[in-house]
Amino acid sequence: MSLKDKWVSFRKENPRIRIRDAAKQLETTEAEIIASFAGAEVIRLVNDFPGLMKRLPELGYVMMLTRNESCVHERKGLVEEVSVNNPHVGLILGKDIDLRMFFRVWAFGFAVQESEEAGFKQSIQVFDYQGNAVIKIYPQQPENAAAFDKLVQDFTAPEQFPILALQPAPAPHQYSDDTVDAVALREDWSNLKDTHDFFPMLKKFNVSRVHALKLAGDFAKQVSNDVVKTLLQSASEKHWEIMVFVGNHGNIQIHTGPVEKILEIPNWINVMDPSFNLHLKLDDIASTWAVKKPGTDGVIHSLELYDAAGELIVQFFGKRKPGVPELTEWTEFISGL
């Protein structure tokens, strides 16, 4: 039986299962399932991802979905300013859609057409070399169907193979956590000028994020894993505008604004707002940290959640912009932890 037929059959028996979870049960990847429909419900795209993203404003109102193993971030809105000239990171900036795109791991792109049998919704989907989803883009305005069709036409690959040449995952990076000079790390931390200087600092010391937090002294404190629920409820009740960062190694997606409808179900905390949805798997949170990073606009406070492997699941900040200090209520909440 072909993978395409296996997927259709599996979905008939498990109509509510998400494709990412189903792929594991079928011992394949999400990208391979999508590719198996190539030439029919799915069109393979050429690998000009910067060029593709540059054209997204043509689609009008869209929903962007970025996720990792433990958290799903869905944001609706207009794609405004797209910048893809930096060889290391592409940017989409705007009040709705806010992305940091790392094109070096973007490997396979598909235009997916609506299919009830396959459970597909019209979208553009991009995967990494291991077949994991990097980003999915869902048009929300049927009146823009012609723009979607034109975009697909302009980026259709000449060959529509149903098979993917995946690559094994690269070996995990070896950190020097056991030999880090904690005093020097804290000294550099105290001299940070911007949150964007944090990653270069970790790189300089070749230290993993969680180990750096453990060595950070007054700059980081481990708190209860339940704090995220309190944070979201407080932000909803007190109408705080917050920033929610969720990413994988190919893309980071950011929501800036209020969170209103908070829904907890067994093992999940969710934000279910008209233009922003968040789905966070509570069992996957291995550690939660209240973190302080000095900067030219004052100290920036964040709440950071990590899984058992030390991978960042989600980060929360108070709404802020360069030159503007963070919200006082946010500072008080994180400091109070």
C-alpha atoms as a PDB file:
ATOM      1  CA  MET A   1       0.000   0.000   0.000  1.00  0.00           C
ATOM      2  CA  SER A   2       1.350   3.437  -0.905  1.00  0.00           C
ATOM      3  CA  LEU A   3       1.936   6.016   1.825  1.00  0.00           C
ATOM      4  CA  LYS A   4      -0.835   8.116   0.289  1.00  0.00           C
ATOM      5  CA  ASP A   5      -3.314   5.240   0.632  1.00  0.00           C
ATOM      6  CA  LYS A   6      -2.052   4.450   4.146  1.00  0.00           C
ATOM      7  CA  TRP A   7      -2.688   8.049   5.196  1.00  0.00           C
ATOM      8  CA  VAL A   8      -6.225   8.156   3.734  1.00  0.00           C
ATOM      9  CA  SER A   9      -7.067   4.836   5.401  1.00  0.00           C
ATOM     10  CA  PHE A  10      -5.520   5.842   8.758  1.00  0.00           C
ATOM     11  CA  ARG A  11      -7.371   9.157   8.720  1.00  0.00           C
ATOM     12  CA  LYS A  12     -10.720   7.464   8.118  1.00  0.00           C
ATOM     13  CA  GLU A  13     -10.204   5.493  11.324  1.00  0.00           C
ATOM     14  CA  ASN A  14      -8.672   8.427  13.254  1.00  0.00           C
ATOM     15  CA  PRO A  15     -10.369  11.565  11.889  1.00  0.00           C
ATOM     16  CA  ARG A  16      -9.339  13.824  14.785  1.00  0.00           C
ATOM     17  CA  ILE A  17      -5.645  12.968  14.916  1.00  0.00           C
ATOM     18  CA  ARG A  18      -3.129  15.662  13.962  1.00  0.00           C
ATOM     19  CA  ILE A  19      -0.914  14.822  11.016  1.00  0.00           C
ATOM     20  CA  ARG A  20       2.286  15.330  13.048  1.00  0.00           C
ATOM     21  CA  ASP A  21       1.191  12.697  15.591  1.00  0.00           C
ATOM     22  CA  ALA A  22      -0.151  10.388  12.893  1.00  0.00           C
ATOM     23  CA  ALA A  23       3.188  10.460  11.055  1.00  0.00           C
ATOM     24  CA  LYS A  24       4.914   9.012  14.128  1.00  0.00           C
ATOM     25  CA  GLN A  25       2.393   6.201  14.336  1.00  0.00           C
ATOM     26  CA  LEU A  26       2.866   5.477  10.625  1.00  0.00           C
ATOM     27  CA  GLU A  27       6.668   5.568  11.138  1.00  0.00           C
ATOM     28  CA  THR A  28       7.129   8.319   8.589  1.00  0.00           C
ATOM     29  CA  THR A  29       7.256  12.130   8.618  1.00  0.00           C
ATOM     30  CA  GLU A  30       4.659  14.808   8.036  1.00  0.00           C
ATOM     31  CA  ALA A  31       6.544  16.046   4.962  1.00  0.00           C
ATOM     32  CA  GLU A  32       6.578  12.566   3.403  1.00  0.00           C
ATOM     33  CA  ILE A  33       2.807  12.238   3.887  1.00  0.00           C
ATOM     34  CA  ILE A  34       2.260  15.618   2.184  1.00  0.00           C
ATOM     35  CA  ALA A  35       4.721  14.777  -0.626  1.00  0.00           C
ATOM     36  CA  SER A  36       2.923  11.485  -1.322  1.00  0.00           C
ATOM     37  CA  PHE A  37       0.045  13.564  -2.780  1.00  0.00           C
ATOM     38  CA  ALA A  38       2.358  15.509  -5.149  1.00  0.00           C
ATOM     39  CA  GLY A  39       0.863  16.126  -8.569  1.00  0.00           C
ATOM     40  CA  ALA A  40      -2.728  15.972  -7.305  1.00  0.00           C
ATOM     41  CA  GLU A  41      -3.837  17.671  -4.057  1.00  0.00           C
ATOM     42  CA  VAL A  42      -0.267  18.865  -3.443  1.00  0.00           C
ATOM     43  CA  ILE A  43       2.130  20.853  -5.641  1.00  0.00           C
ATOM     44  CA  ARG A  44       5.840  20.823  -4.896  1.00  0.00           C
ATOM     45  CA  LEU A  45       7.421  24.271  -4.952  1.00  0.00           C
ATOM     46  CA  VAL A  46      10.891  25.407  -6.014  1.00  0.00           C
ATOM     47  CA  ASN A  47      13.285  26.132  -3.163  1.00  0.00           C
ATOM     48  CA  ASP A  48      13.304  29.916  -3.514  1.00  0.00           C
ATOM     49  CA  PHE A  49      11.949  30.461  -0.013  1.00  0.00           C
ATOM     50  CA  PRO A  50      13.044  34.123   0.343  1.00  0.00           C
ATOM     51  CA  GLY A  51      11.305  34.886  -2.956  1.00  0.00           C
ATOM     52  CA  LEU A  52       8.193  32.989  -1.846  1.00  0.00           C
ATOM     53  CA  MET A  53       7.939  34.848   1.465  1.00  0.00           C
ATOM     54  CA  LYS A  54       8.460  38.179  -0.293  1.00  0.00           C
ATOM     55  CA  ARG A  55       5.206  37.528  -2.190  1.00  0.00           C
ATOM     56  CA  LEU A  56       3.056  36.681   0.856  1.00  0.00           C
ATOM     57  CA  PRO A  57       1.494  40.166   1.192  1.00  0.00           C
ATOM     58  CA  GLU A  58      -0.420  39.326  -2.021  1.00  0.00           C
ATOM     59  CA  LEU A  59      -2.461  36.736  -0.100  1.00  0.00           C
ATOM     60  CA  GLY A  60      -4.073  39.330   2.164  1.00  0.00           C
ATOM     61  CA  TYR A  61      -5.347  38.102   5.535  1.00  0.00           C
ATOM     62  CA  VAL A  62      -3.646  34.805   6.460  1.00  0.00           C
ATOM     63  CA  MET A  63      -3.082  32.493   9.411  1.00  0.00           C
ATOM     64  CA  MET A  64       0.543  31.605  10.201  1.00  0.00           C
ATOM     65  CA  LEU A  65       1.257  28.434  12.190  1.00  0.00           C
ATOM     66  CA  THR A  66       4.634  27.773  13.801  1.00  0.00           C
ATOM     67  CA  ARG A  67       5.193  24.994  16.309  1.00  0.00           C
ATOM     68  CA  ASN A  68       7.687  22.830  18.118  1.00  0.00           C
ATOM     69  CA  GLU A  69       7.077  19.501  19.836  1.00  0.00           C
ATOM     70  CA  SER A  70       5.327  21.093  22.824  1.00  0.00           C
ATOM     71  CA  CYS A  71       3.702  24.327  21.676  1.00  0.00           C
ATOM     72  CA  VAL A  72       1.641  25.565  18.711  1.00  0.00           C
ATOM     73  CA  HIS A  73       1.445  29.299  17.843  1.00  0.00           C
ATOM     74  CA  GLU A  74      -1.254  30.420  15.371  1.00  0.00           C
ATOM     75  CA  ARG A  75      -1.488  34.096  14.397  1.00  0.00           C
ATOM     76  CA  LYS A  76      -3.864  35.707  11.912  1.00  0.00           C
ATOM     77  CA  GLY A  77      -3.303  38.997  10.158  1.00  0.00           C
ATOM     78  CA  LEU A  78      -1.784  40.845   7.230  1.00  0.00           C
ATOM     79  CA  VAL A  79       1.791  40.278   6.115  1.00  0.00           C
ATOM     80  CA  GLU A  80       3.333  43.740   6.004  1.00  0.00           C
ATOM     81  CA  GLU A  81       7.085  44.353   5.776  1.00  0.00           C
ATOM     82  CA  VAL A  82       9.126  41.402   4.431  1.00  0.00           C
ATOM     83  CA  SER A  83      12.930  41.582   4.552  1.00  0.00           C
ATOM     84  CA  VAL A  84      14.942  38.671   3.115  1.00  0.00           C
ATOM     85  CA  ASN A  85      18.288  40.333   2.272  1.00  0.00           C
ATOM     86  CA  ASN A  86      20.177  39.188   5.379  1.00  0.00           C
ATOM     87  CA  PRO A  87      21.837  35.825   4.572  1.00  0.00           C
ATOM     88  CA  HIS A  88      21.294  34.550   8.141  1.00  0.00           C
ATOM     89  CA  VAL A  89      17.760  35.607   9.027  1.00  0.00           C
ATOM     90  CA  GLY A  90      14.675  36.776   7.131  1.00  0.00           C
ATOM     91  CA  LEU A  91      12.185  39.071   8.852  1.00  0.00           C
ATOM     92  CA  ILE A  92       8.488  39.714   8.581  1.00  0.00           C
ATOM     93  CA  LEU A  93       7.546  42.752  10.646  1.00  0.00           C
ATOM     94  CA  GLY A  94       4.078  44.113  11.286  1.00  0.00           C
ATOM     95  CA  LYS A  95       1.491  44.542  13.987  1.00  0.00           C
ATOM     96  CA  ASP A  96      -0.059  41.147  13.153  1.00  0.00           C
ATOM     97  CA  ILE A  97       2.566  38.856  11.625  1.00  0.00           C
ATOM     98  CA  ASP A  98       6.042  38.933  13.167  1.00  0.00           C
ATOM     99  CA  LEU A  99       8.581  36.254  12.121  1.00  0.00           C
ATOM    100  CA  ARG A 100      12.322  35.478  12.271  1.00  0.00           C
ATOM    101  CA  MET A 101      13.072  32.989   9.488  1.00  0.00           C
ATOM    102  CA  PHE A 102      16.264  30.876   9.286  1.00  0.00           C
ATOM    103  CA  PHE A 103      16.218  29.784   5.658  1.00  0.00           C
ATOM    104  CA  ARG A 104      19.283  27.509   5.900  1.00  0.00           C
ATOM    105  CA  VAL A 105      17.082  24.714   7.300  1.00  0.00           C
ATOM    106  CA  TRP A 106      14.119  25.272   4.938  1.00  0.00           C
ATOM    107  CA  ALA A 107      14.223  22.279   2.589  1.00  0.00           C
ATOM    108  CA  PHE A 108      10.823  21.364   1.085  1.00  0.00           C
ATOM    109  CA  GLY A 109       7.917  23.627   0.143  1.00  0.00           C
ATOM    110  CA  PHE A 110       4.413  22.574  -0.887  1.00  0.00           C
ATOM    111  CA  ALA A 111       1.191  24.226  -1.984  1.00  0.00           C
ATOM    112  CA  VAL A 112      -1.596  22.147  -0.466  1.00  0.00           C
ATOM    113  CA  GLN A 113      -5.118  22.213  -1.887  1.00  0.00           C
ATOM    114  CA  GLU A 114      -8.343  21.652   0.045  1.00  0.00           C
ATOM    115  CA  SER A 115      -9.084  17.917   0.332  1.00  0.00           C
ATOM    116  CA  GLU A 116     -11.701  16.431   2.618  1.00  0.00           C
ATOM    117  CA  GLU A 117     -10.460  12.873   2.013  1.00  0.00           C
ATOM    118  CA  ALA A 118      -6.874  13.749   2.947  1.00  0.00           C
ATOM    119  CA  GLY A 119      -7.902  16.225   5.662  1.00  0.00           C
ATOM    120  CA  PHE A 120      -5.938  19.032   3.985  1.00  0.00           C
ATOM    121  CA  LYS A 121      -6.733  22.737   4.099  1.00  0.00           C
ATOM    122  CA  GLN A 122      -5.491  25.143   1.423  1.00  0.00           C
ATOM    123  CA  SER A 123      -2.052  26.265   2.535  1.00  0.00           C
ATOM    124  CA  ILE A 124       1.624  26.751   1.832  1.00  0.00           C
ATOM    125  CA  GLN A 125       3.733  24.445   4.017  1.00  0.00           C
ATOM    126  CA  VAL A 126       7.511  24.356   4.504  1.00  0.00           C
ATOM    127  CA  PHE A 127       9.537  21.537   6.093  1.00  0.00           C
ATOM    128  CA  ASP A 128      13.147  21.013   7.133  1.00  0.00           C
ATOM    129  CA  TYR A 129      15.590  18.386   5.828  1.00  0.00           C
ATOM    130  CA  GLN A 130      14.271  15.851   8.376  1.00  0.00           C
ATOM    131  CA  GLY A 131      10.644  16.316   7.286  1.00  0.00           C
ATOM    132  CA  ASN A 132       9.516  18.421  10.285  1.00  0.00           C
ATOM    133  CA  ALA A 133       7.177  21.360   9.738  1.00  0.00           C
ATOM    134  CA  VAL A 134       8.869  24.781   9.881  1.00  0.00           C
ATOM    135  CA  ILE A 135       5.891  26.997   9.006  1.00  0.00           C
ATOM    136  CA  LYS A 136       2.395  26.717   7.525  1.00  0.00           C
ATOM    137  CA  ILE A 137       0.490  29.588   5.909  1.00  0.00           C
ATOM    138  CA  TYR A 138      -3.298  29.378   5.509  1.00  0.00           C
ATOM    139  CA  PRO A 139      -5.094  31.985   3.342  1.00  0.00           C
ATOM    140  CA  GLN A 140      -8.205  33.306   5.105  1.00  0.00           C
ATOM    141  CA  GLN A 141      -9.888  35.309   2.320  1.00  0.00           C
ATOM    142  CA  PRO A 142     -11.594  33.261  -0.423  1.00  0.00           C
ATOM    143  CA  GLU A 143     -11.764  36.406  -2.564  1.00  0.00           C
ATOM    144  CA  ASN A 144      -7.940  36.223  -2.839  1.00  0.00           C
ATOM    145  CA  ALA A 145      -8.014  32.746  -4.443  1.00  0.00           C
ATOM    146  CA  ALA A 146      -6.552  34.105  -7.699  1.00  0.00           C
ATOM    147  CA  ALA A 147      -3.544  35.543  -5.833  1.00  0.00           C
ATOM    148  CA  PHE A 148      -2.891  32.150  -4.205  1.00  0.00           C
ATOM    149  CA  ASP A 149      -3.163  30.377  -7.572  1.00  0.00           C
ATOM    150  CA  LYS A 150      -0.764  32.868  -9.199  1.00  0.00           C
ATOM    151  CA  LEU A 151       1.759  32.477  -6.383  1.00  0.00           C
ATOM    152  CA  VAL A 152       1.629  28.684  -6.682  1.00  0.00           C
ATOM    153  CA  GLN A 153       1.941  28.859 -10.455  1.00  0.00           C
ATOM    154  CA  ASP A 154       5.022  31.104 -10.220  1.00  0.00           C
ATOM    155  CA  PHE A 155       6.776  28.792  -7.732  1.00  0.00           C
ATOM    156  CA  THR A 156       5.724  25.340  -9.003  1.00  0.00           C
ATOM    157  CA  ALA A 157       8.690  22.968  -9.264  1.00  0.00           C
ATOM    158  CA  PRO A 158       9.296  21.374 -12.694  1.00  0.00           C
ATOM    159  CA  GLU A 159       9.254  17.842 -11.207  1.00  0.00           C
ATOM    160  CA  GLN A 160       6.385  16.620  -9.015  1.00  0.00           C
ATOM    161  CA  PHE A 161       7.934  13.569  -7.333  1.00  0.00           C
ATOM    162  CA  PRO A 162       5.932  11.969  -4.476  1.00  0.00           C
ATOM    163  CA  ILE A 163       9.171  10.884  -2.734  1.00  0.00           C
ATOM    164  CA  LEU A 164      11.448  13.072  -0.573  1.00  0.00           C
ATOM    165  CA  ALA A 165      15.204  12.759  -0.064  1.00  0.00           C
ATOM    166  CA  LEU A 166      15.331  13.378   3.680  1.00  0.00           C
ATOM    167  CA  GLN A 167      18.560  13.750   5.622  1.00  0.00           C
ATOM    168  CA  PRO A 168      19.399  12.381   9.078  1.00  0.00           C
ATOM    169  CA  ALA A 169      19.334  14.964  11.852  1.00  0.00           C
ATOM    170  CA  PRO A 170      22.738  16.548  12.484  1.00  0.00           C
ATOM    171  CA  ALA A 171      24.565  15.399  15.623  1.00  0.00           C
ATOM    172  CA  PRO A 172      23.549  17.514  18.631  1.00  0.00           C
ATOM    173  CA  HIS A 173      25.901  20.364  19.492  1.00  0.00           C
ATOM    174  CA  GLN A 174      28.396  19.550  22.259  1.00  0.00           C
ATOM    175  CA  TYR A 175      28.354  22.282  24.911  1.00  0.00           C
ATOM    176  CA  SER A 176      31.136  23.007  27.408  1.00  0.00           C
ATOM    177  CA  ASP A 177      28.726  23.258  30.353  1.00  0.00           C
ATOM    178  CA  ASP A 178      31.099  21.523  32.788  1.00  0.00           C
ATOM    179  CA  THR A 179      33.919  24.007  32.239  1.00  0.00           C
ATOM    180  CA  VAL A 180      32.097  27.356  31.926  1.00  0.00           C
ATOM    181  CA  ASP A 181      33.640  30.267  33.848  1.00  0.00           C
ATOM    182  CA  ALA A 182      30.524  31.295  35.818  1.00  0.00           C
ATOM    183  CA  VAL A 183      32.061  34.553  37.069  1.00  0.00           C
ATOM    184  CA  ALA A 184      32.978  35.649  33.543  1.00  0.00           C
ATOM    185  CA  LEU A 185      29.527  34.619  32.264  1.00  0.00           C
ATOM    186  CA  ARG A 186      27.771  36.720  34.916  1.00  0.00           C
ATOM    187  CA  GLU A 187      30.088  39.637  34.157  1.00  0.00           C
ATOM    188  CA  ASP A 188      29.191  39.509  30.449  1.00  0.00           C
ATOM    189  CA  TRP A 189      25.516  39.063  31.341  1.00  0.00           C
ATOM    190  CA  SER A 190      25.584  42.216  33.474  1.00  0.00           C
ATOM    191  CA  ASN A 191      26.972  44.157  30.480  1.00  0.00           C
ATOM    192  CA  LEU A 192      24.296  43.091  27.961  1.00  0.00           C
ATOM    193  CA  LYS A 193      22.986  46.058  25.977  1.00  0.00           C
ATOM    194  CA  ASP A 194      20.142  44.292  24.153  1.00  0.00           C
ATOM    195  CA  THR A 195      18.248  40.985  24.325  1.00  0.00           C
ATOM    196  CA  HIS A 196      19.695  40.169  20.889  1.00  0.00           C
ATOM    197  CA  ASP A 197      23.160  40.068  22.510  1.00  0.00           C
ATOM    198  CA  PHE A 198      22.119  37.091  24.662  1.00  0.00           C
ATOM    199  CA  PHE A 199      22.589  34.363  22.046  1.00  0.00           C
ATOM    200  CA  PRO A 200      26.077  35.599  20.994  1.00  0.00           C
ATOM    201  CA  MET A 201      27.006  35.528  24.714  1.00  0.00           C
ATOM    202  CA  LEU A 202      25.879  31.880  25.020  1.00  0.00           C
ATOM    203  CA  LYS A 203      27.877  31.086  21.884  1.00  0.00           C
ATOM    204  CA  LYS A 204      30.984  32.790  23.246  1.00  0.00           C
ATOM    205  CA  PHE A 205      30.926  30.572  26.360  1.00  0.00           C
ATOM    206  CA  ASN A 206      29.637  27.515  24.418  1.00  0.00           C
ATOM    207  CA  VAL A 207      27.038  27.044  27.148  1.00  0.00           C
ATOM    208  CA  SER A 208      23.516  25.618  26.846  1.00  0.00           C
ATOM    209  CA  ARG A 209      20.642  27.945  27.709  1.00  0.00           C
ATOM    210  CA  VAL A 210      19.434  26.070  30.791  1.00  0.00           C
ATOM    211  CA  HIS A 211      22.951  25.711  32.210  1.00  0.00           C
ATOM    212  CA  ALA A 212      23.537  29.435  31.675  1.00  0.00           C
ATOM    213  CA  LEU A 213      20.347  30.132  33.645  1.00  0.00           C
ATOM    214  CA  LYS A 214      21.596  27.895  36.461  1.00  0.00           C
ATOM    215  CA  LEU A 215      24.842  29.918  36.610  1.00  0.00           C
ATOM    216  CA  ALA A 216      23.184  33.310  36.206  1.00  0.00           C
ATOM    217  CA  GLY A 217      22.929  34.241  39.877  1.00  0.00           C
ATOM    218  CA  ASP A 218      20.474  37.134  40.331  1.00  0.00           C
ATOM    219  CA  PHE A 219      19.693  37.231  36.614  1.00  0.00           C
ATOM    220  CA  ALA A 220      17.586  34.030  36.597  1.00  0.00           C
ATOM    221  CA  LYS A 221      15.443  32.106  39.033  1.00  0.00           C
ATOM    222  CA  GLN A 222      13.741  28.747  38.543  1.00  0.00           C
ATOM    223  CA  VAL A 223      10.034  28.956  39.401  1.00  0.00           C
ATOM    224  CA  SER A 224       7.069  26.573  39.465  1.00  0.00           C
ATOM    225  CA  ASN A 225       5.997  25.105  36.126  1.00  0.00           C
ATOM    226  CA  ASP A 226       2.446  26.213  36.967  1.00  0.00           C
ATOM    227  CA  VAL A 227       3.437  29.892  36.738  1.00  0.00           C
ATOM    228  CA  VAL A 228       2.575  29.981  33.021  1.00  0.00           C
ATOM    229  CA  LYS A 229      -1.089  29.355  33.887  1.00  0.00           C
ATOM    230  CA  THR A 230      -1.052  32.219  36.409  1.00  0.00           C
ATOM    231  CA  LEU A 231       0.662  34.462  33.867  1.00  0.00           C
ATOM    232  CA  LEU A 232      -1.914  33.869  31.131  1.00  0.00           C
ATOM    233  CA  GLN A 233      -4.865  34.235  33.528  1.00  0.00           C
ATOM    234  CA  SER A 234      -3.392  37.468  34.948  1.00  0.00           C
ATOM    235  CA  ALA A 235      -2.695  38.865  31.470  1.00  0.00           C
ATOM    236  CA  SER A 236      -6.300  38.076  30.488  1.00  0.00           C
ATOM    237  CA  GLU A 237      -7.921  39.521  33.620  1.00  0.00           C
ATOM    238  CA  LYS A 238      -5.714  42.633  33.776  1.00  0.00           C
ATOM    239  CA  HIS A 239      -5.627  43.263  29.999  1.00  0.00           C
ATOM    240  CA  TRP A 240      -1.840  43.216  29.727  1.00  0.00           C
ATOM    241  CA  GLU A 241      -0.314  43.312  26.279  1.00  0.00           C
ATOM    242  CA  ILE A 242       2.348  40.640  26.145  1.00  0.00           C
ATOM    243  CA  MET A 243       4.756  39.105  23.635  1.00  0.00           C
ATOM    244  CA  VAL A 244       4.669  35.343  23.039  1.00  0.00           C
ATOM    245  CA  PHE A 245       7.624  33.780  21.166  1.00  0.00           C
ATOM    246  CA  VAL A 246       7.346  30.199  19.862  1.00  0.00           C
ATOM    247  CA  GLY A 247       9.825  28.682  17.464  1.00  0.00           C
ATOM    248  CA  ASN A 248      11.673  25.763  15.978  1.00  0.00           C
ATOM    249  CA  HIS A 249      15.124  25.814  14.407  1.00  0.00           C
ATOM    250  CA  GLY A 250      13.732  27.260  11.157  1.00  0.00           C
ATOM    251  CA  ASN A 251      11.331  29.935  12.342  1.00  0.00           C
ATOM    252  CA  ILE A 252      10.308  32.018  15.364  1.00  0.00           C
ATOM    253  CA  GLN A 253       6.789  33.464  15.463  1.00  0.00           C
ATOM    254  CA  ILE A 254       5.790  36.313  17.786  1.00  0.00           C
ATOM    255  CA  HIS A 255       2.405  37.513  19.011  1.00  0.00           C
ATOM    256  CA  THR A 256       2.276  41.000  20.522  1.00  0.00           C
ATOM    257  CA  GLY A 257      -0.957  42.098  22.127  1.00  0.00           C
ATOM    258  CA  PRO A 258      -3.604  40.971  24.606  1.00  0.00           C
ATOM    259  CA  VAL A 259      -4.615  37.397  25.418  1.00  0.00           C
ATOM    260  CA  GLU A 260      -8.270  37.081  26.392  1.00  0.00           C
ATOM    261  CA  LYS A 261      -9.900  33.645  26.309  1.00  0.00           C
ATOM    262  CA  ILE A 262      -7.736  31.218  28.331  1.00  0.00           C
ATOM    263  CA  LEU A 263      -8.906  27.610  28.233  1.00  0.00           C
ATOM    264  CA  GLU A 264      -7.338  24.829  30.293  1.00  0.00           C
ATOM    265  CA  ILE A 265      -8.036  21.208  29.415  1.00  0.00           C
ATOM    266  CA  PRO A 266      -6.200  18.138  30.759  1.00  0.00           C
ATOM    267  CA  ASN A 267      -2.472  18.569  29.998  1.00  0.00           C
ATOM    268  CA  TRP A 268      -2.975  21.730  27.869  1.00  0.00           C
ATOM    269  CA  ILE A 269      -3.291  25.461  28.465  1.00  0.00           C
ATOM    270  CA  ASN A 270      -4.704  27.340  25.476  1.00  0.00           C
ATOM    271  CA  VAL A 271      -5.302  30.874  24.265  1.00  0.00           C
ATOM    272  CA  MET A 272      -8.390  30.845  22.018  1.00  0.00           C
ATOM    273  CA  ASP A 273      -8.736  34.389  20.662  1.00  0.00           C
ATOM    274  CA  PRO A 274     -10.075  35.376  17.218  1.00  0.00           C
ATOM    275  CA  SER A 275      -6.637  36.325  15.834  1.00  0.00           C
ATOM    276  CA  PHE A 276      -4.293  34.400  18.165  1.00  0.00           C
ATOM    277  CA  ASN A 277      -4.311  30.798  19.359  1.00  0.00           C
ATOM    278  CA  LEU A 278      -1.694  29.158  21.568  1.00  0.00           C
ATOM    279  CA  HIS A 279      -1.654  25.466  22.553  1.00  0.00           C
ATOM    280  CA  LEU A 280       0.909  24.575  25.232  1.00  0.00           C
ATOM    281  CA  LYS A 281       1.434  20.993  26.421  1.00  0.00           C
ATOM    282  CA  LEU A 282       1.885  21.226  30.189  1.00  0.00           C
ATOM    283  CA  ASP A 283       3.436  17.776  30.728  1.00  0.00           C
ATOM    284  CA  ASP A 284       6.360  18.720  28.485  1.00  0.00           C
ATOM    285  CA  ILE A 285       7.501  21.619  30.691  1.00  0.00           C
ATOM    286  CA  ALA A 286      10.605  20.414  32.545  1.00  0.00           C
ATOM    287  CA  SER A 287      11.699  23.799  33.934  1.00  0.00           C
ATOM    288  CA  THR A 288      10.436  27.386  34.058  1.00  0.00           C
ATOM    289  CA  TRP A 289      12.662  30.411  34.601  1.00  0.00           C
ATOM    290  CA  ALA A 290      12.098  34.060  35.441  1.00  0.00           C
ATOM    291  CA  VAL A 291      14.928  35.796  33.603  1.00  0.00           C
ATOM    292  CA  LYS A 292      16.411  39.313  33.655  1.00  0.00           C
ATOM    293  CA  LYS A 293      18.488  40.723  30.801  1.00  0.00           C
ATOM    294  CA  PRO A 294      19.975  44.220  31.145  1.00  0.00           C
ATOM    295  CA  GLY A 295      19.608  46.573  28.186  1.00  0.00           C
ATOM    296  CA  THR A 296      19.914  50.194  27.169  1.00  0.00           C
ATOM    297  CA  ASP A 297      16.151  50.633  27.754  1.00  0.00           C
ATOM    298  CA  GLY A 298      16.329  49.104  31.244  1.00  0.00           C
ATOM    299  CA  VAL A 299      16.123  45.504  32.433  1.00  0.00           C
ATOM    300  CA  ILE A 300      14.021  43.175  30.257  1.00  0.00           C
ATOM    301  CA  HIS A 301      12.115  40.467  32.171  1.00  0.00           C
ATOM    302  CA  SER A 302      10.945  37.208  30.588  1.00  0.00           C
ATOM    303  CA  LEU A 303       9.366  33.903  31.533  1.00  0.00           C
ATOM    304  CA  GLU A 304      11.040  30.996  29.705  1.00  0.00           C
ATOM    305  CA  LEU A 305       9.825  27.378  29.536  1.00  0.00           C
ATOM    306  CA  TYR A 306      12.112  24.453  28.649  1.00  0.00           C
ATOM    307  CA  ASP A 307      11.564  20.773  27.915  1.00  0.00           C
ATOM    308  CA  ALA A 308      13.507  17.809  29.323  1.00  0.00           C
ATOM    309  CA  ALA A 309      16.154  18.102  26.590  1.00  0.00           C
ATOM    310  CA  GLY A 310      16.771  21.759  27.486  1.00  0.00           C
ATOM    311  CA  GLU A 311      15.023  23.021  24.330  1.00  0.00           C
ATOM    312  CA  LEU A 312      13.150  26.313  24.609  1.00  0.00           C
ATOM    313  CA  ILE A 313       9.377  25.735  24.334  1.00  0.00           C
ATOM    314  CA  VAL A 314       8.022  29.287  24.649  1.00  0.00           C
ATOM    315  CA  GLN A 315       9.102  32.711  25.915  1.00  0.00           C
ATOM    316  CA  PHE A 316       6.867  35.454  27.317  1.00  0.00           C
ATOM    317  CA  PHE A 317       7.738  39.160  27.556  1.00  0.00           C
ATOM    318  CA  GLY A 318       5.796  42.295  28.361  1.00  0.00           C
ATOM    319  CA  LYS A 319       4.989  44.347  25.267  1.00  0.00           C
ATOM    320  CA  ARG A 320       7.855  46.674  24.456  1.00  0.00           C
ATOM    321  CA  LYS A 321       9.645  48.392  21.599  1.00  0.00           C
ATOM    322  CA  PRO A 322      13.196  49.740  21.213  1.00  0.00           C
ATOM    323  CA  GLY A 323      13.460  52.955  23.188  1.00  0.00           C
ATOM    324  CA  VAL A 324      10.385  52.118  25.297  1.00  0.00           C
ATOM    325  CA  PRO A 325      10.700  50.384  28.710  1.00  0.00           C
ATOM    326  CA  GLU A 326       8.574  47.288  29.337  1.00  0.00           C
ATOM    327  CA  LEU A 327       5.174  47.488  31.045  1.00  0.00           C
ATOM    328  CA  THR A 328       5.391  48.226  34.770  1.00  0.00           C
ATOM    329  CA  GLU A 329       2.782  45.540  35.607  1.00  0.00           C
ATOM    330  CA  TRP A 330       4.848  42.984  33.716  1.00  0.00           C
ATOM    331  CA  THR A 331       8.045  43.935  35.538  1.00  0.00           C
ATOM    332  CA  GLU A 332       6.250  43.644  38.889  1.00  0.00           C
ATOM    333  CA  PHE A 333       4.764  40.244  38.011  1.00  0.00           C
ATOM    334  CA  ILE A 334       8.044  38.619  36.934  1.00  0.00           C
ATOM    335  CA  SER A 335      10.052  40.289  39.732  1.00  0.00           C
ATOM    336  CA  GLY A 336       7.470  39.008  42.213  1.00  0.00           C
ATOM    337  CA  LEU A 337       8.270  35.427  41.233  1.00  0.00           C
END
